[in-house]
N, C-alpha and C. Protein backbone atom coordinates (compact mmCIF):
# COMPACT_ATOMS: atom_id res chain seq x y z
N MET A 1 0.84 -1.21 0.00
CA MET A 1 0.00 0.00 0.00
C MET A 1 0.88 1.26 0.00
N LYS A 2 0.61 2.13 -0.92
CA LYS A 2 1.41 3.36 -1.02
C LYS A 2 1.03 4.34 0.10
N MET A 3 1.99 5.15 0.49
CA MET A 3 1.78 6.11 1.58
C MET A 3 0.71 7.13 1.21
N SER A 4 0.76 7.64 -0.02
CA SER A 4 -0.20 8.68 -0.44
C SER A 4 -1.64 8.15 -0.40
N MET A 5 -1.79 6.88 -0.77
CA MET A 5 -3.11 6.26 -0.75
C MET A 5 -3.62 6.15 0.69
N PHE A 6 -2.70 5.79 1.59
CA PHE A 6 -3.04 5.67 3.01
C PHE A 6 -3.48 7.02 3.58
N ILE A 7 -2.75 8.07 3.21
CA ILE A 7 -3.08 9.43 3.68
C ILE A 7 -4.46 9.85 3.16
N THR A 8 -4.71 9.57 1.88
CA THR A 8 -6.01 9.91 1.29
C THR A 8 -7.13 9.20 2.02
N LEU A 9 -6.91 7.91 2.32
CA LEU A 9 -7.91 7.11 3.04
C LEU A 9 -8.15 7.68 4.44
N ALA A 10 -7.06 8.02 5.14
CA ALA A 10 -7.16 8.56 6.50
C ALA A 10 -7.92 9.89 6.49
N VAL A 11 -7.63 10.74 5.49
CA VAL A 11 -8.30 12.03 5.39
C VAL A 11 -9.79 11.85 5.12
N SER A 12 -10.13 10.92 4.23
CA SER A 12 -11.55 10.70 3.91
C SER A 12 -12.31 10.15 5.11
N ILE A 13 -11.65 9.27 5.89
CA ILE A 13 -12.29 8.73 7.10
C ILE A 13 -12.50 9.84 8.13
N MET A 14 -11.46 10.68 8.30
CA MET A 14 -11.56 11.80 9.23
C MET A 14 -12.68 12.76 8.81
N PHE A 15 -12.75 13.03 7.51
CA PHE A 15 -13.75 13.96 7.00
C PHE A 15 -15.17 13.43 7.22
N SER A 16 -15.37 12.14 6.96
CA SER A 16 -16.69 11.55 7.15
C SER A 16 -17.06 11.53 8.63
N ALA A 17 -16.07 11.30 9.49
CA ALA A 17 -16.32 11.32 10.94
C ALA A 17 -16.72 12.73 11.39
N LEU A 18 -16.04 13.74 10.85
CA LEU A 18 -16.37 15.13 11.18
C LEU A 18 -17.77 15.48 10.71
N THR A 19 -18.13 15.03 9.50
CA THR A 19 -19.46 15.30 8.95
C THR A 19 -20.53 14.64 9.81
N ASN A 20 -20.27 13.39 10.22
CA ASN A 20 -21.21 12.68 11.08
C ASN A 20 -21.36 13.39 12.42
N ALA A 21 -20.25 13.86 12.97
CA ALA A 21 -20.27 14.57 14.25
C ALA A 21 -21.09 15.86 14.12
N ALA A 22 -20.92 16.55 12.98
CA ALA A 22 -21.66 17.80 12.75
C ALA A 22 -23.16 17.51 12.65
N ASP A 23 -23.52 16.46 11.91
CA ASP A 23 -24.93 16.07 11.78
C ASP A 23 -25.52 15.74 13.15
N TYR A 24 -24.73 15.01 13.97
CA TYR A 24 -25.16 14.62 15.30
C TYR A 24 -25.38 15.84 16.19
N ALA A 25 -24.44 16.80 16.11
CA ALA A 25 -24.55 18.02 16.89
C ALA A 25 -25.79 18.82 16.48
N VAL A 26 -26.05 18.89 15.17
CA VAL A 26 -27.23 19.61 14.68
C VAL A 26 -28.50 18.92 15.16
N ALA A 27 -28.53 17.59 15.09
CA ALA A 27 -29.69 16.83 15.55
C ALA A 27 -29.92 17.03 17.04
N LEU A 28 -28.83 17.03 17.82
CA LEU A 28 -28.94 17.26 19.26
C LEU A 28 -29.46 18.66 19.56
N GLY A 29 -28.93 19.65 18.85
CA GLY A 29 -29.37 21.03 19.04
C GLY A 29 -30.84 21.18 18.69
N TYR A 30 -31.27 20.53 17.62
CA TYR A 30 -32.66 20.60 17.18
C TYR A 30 -33.58 19.97 18.23
N ALA A 31 -33.17 18.82 18.76
CA ALA A 31 -33.95 18.14 19.79
C ALA A 31 -34.04 19.01 21.05
N ASP A 32 -32.92 19.65 21.40
CA ASP A 32 -32.86 20.51 22.58
C ASP A 32 -33.83 21.69 22.43
N VAL A 33 -33.85 22.30 21.27
CA VAL A 33 -34.76 23.42 21.01
C VAL A 33 -36.21 22.95 21.10
N ASN A 34 -36.51 21.77 20.55
CA ASN A 34 -37.87 21.25 20.61
C ASN A 34 -38.31 21.00 22.05
N VAL A 35 -37.39 20.47 22.87
CA VAL A 35 -37.70 20.21 24.28
C VAL A 35 -37.97 21.51 25.02
N GLN A 36 -37.15 22.52 24.78
CA GLN A 36 -37.35 23.83 25.42
C GLN A 36 -38.69 24.44 25.00
N HIS A 37 -39.02 24.33 23.72
CA HIS A 37 -40.27 24.87 23.19
C HIS A 37 -41.46 24.17 23.84
N LEU A 38 -41.35 22.84 23.96
CA LEU A 38 -42.41 22.05 24.59
C LEU A 38 -42.57 22.46 26.06
N GLY A 39 -41.44 22.64 26.75
CA GLY A 39 -41.48 23.05 28.15
C GLY A 39 -42.13 24.43 28.30
N TYR A 40 -41.82 25.32 27.36
CA TYR A 40 -42.41 26.67 27.37
C TYR A 40 -43.92 26.59 27.16
N LYS A 41 -44.36 25.78 26.20
CA LYS A 41 -45.78 25.64 25.93
C LYS A 41 -46.50 25.06 27.14
N LEU A 42 -45.87 24.09 27.80
CA LEU A 42 -46.48 23.46 28.98
C LEU A 42 -46.60 24.46 30.12
N SER A 43 -45.56 25.26 30.34
CA SER A 43 -45.60 26.24 31.43
C SER A 43 -46.63 27.33 31.14
N VAL A 44 -46.80 27.68 29.86
CA VAL A 44 -47.79 28.70 29.49
C VAL A 44 -49.20 28.17 29.70
N THR A 45 -49.46 26.92 29.30
CA THR A 45 -50.81 26.36 29.44
C THR A 45 -51.15 26.07 30.89
N ASN A 46 -50.14 25.77 31.72
CA ASN A 46 -50.39 25.48 33.14
C ASN A 46 -50.76 26.73 33.93
N ASN A 47 -50.23 27.87 33.54
CA ASN A 47 -50.49 29.11 34.30
C ASN A 47 -51.82 29.74 33.95
């Protein structure tokens, strides 16, 4: 296996991992916002 090929493979794996992490962070942030919104609606309807 050539070194340049190995570097390319490592970079592509790192890039896909970063993309997945970004998607996960966005999904977590979206879920967090939804939970806060739900909590706000519940507190408004309870009062």
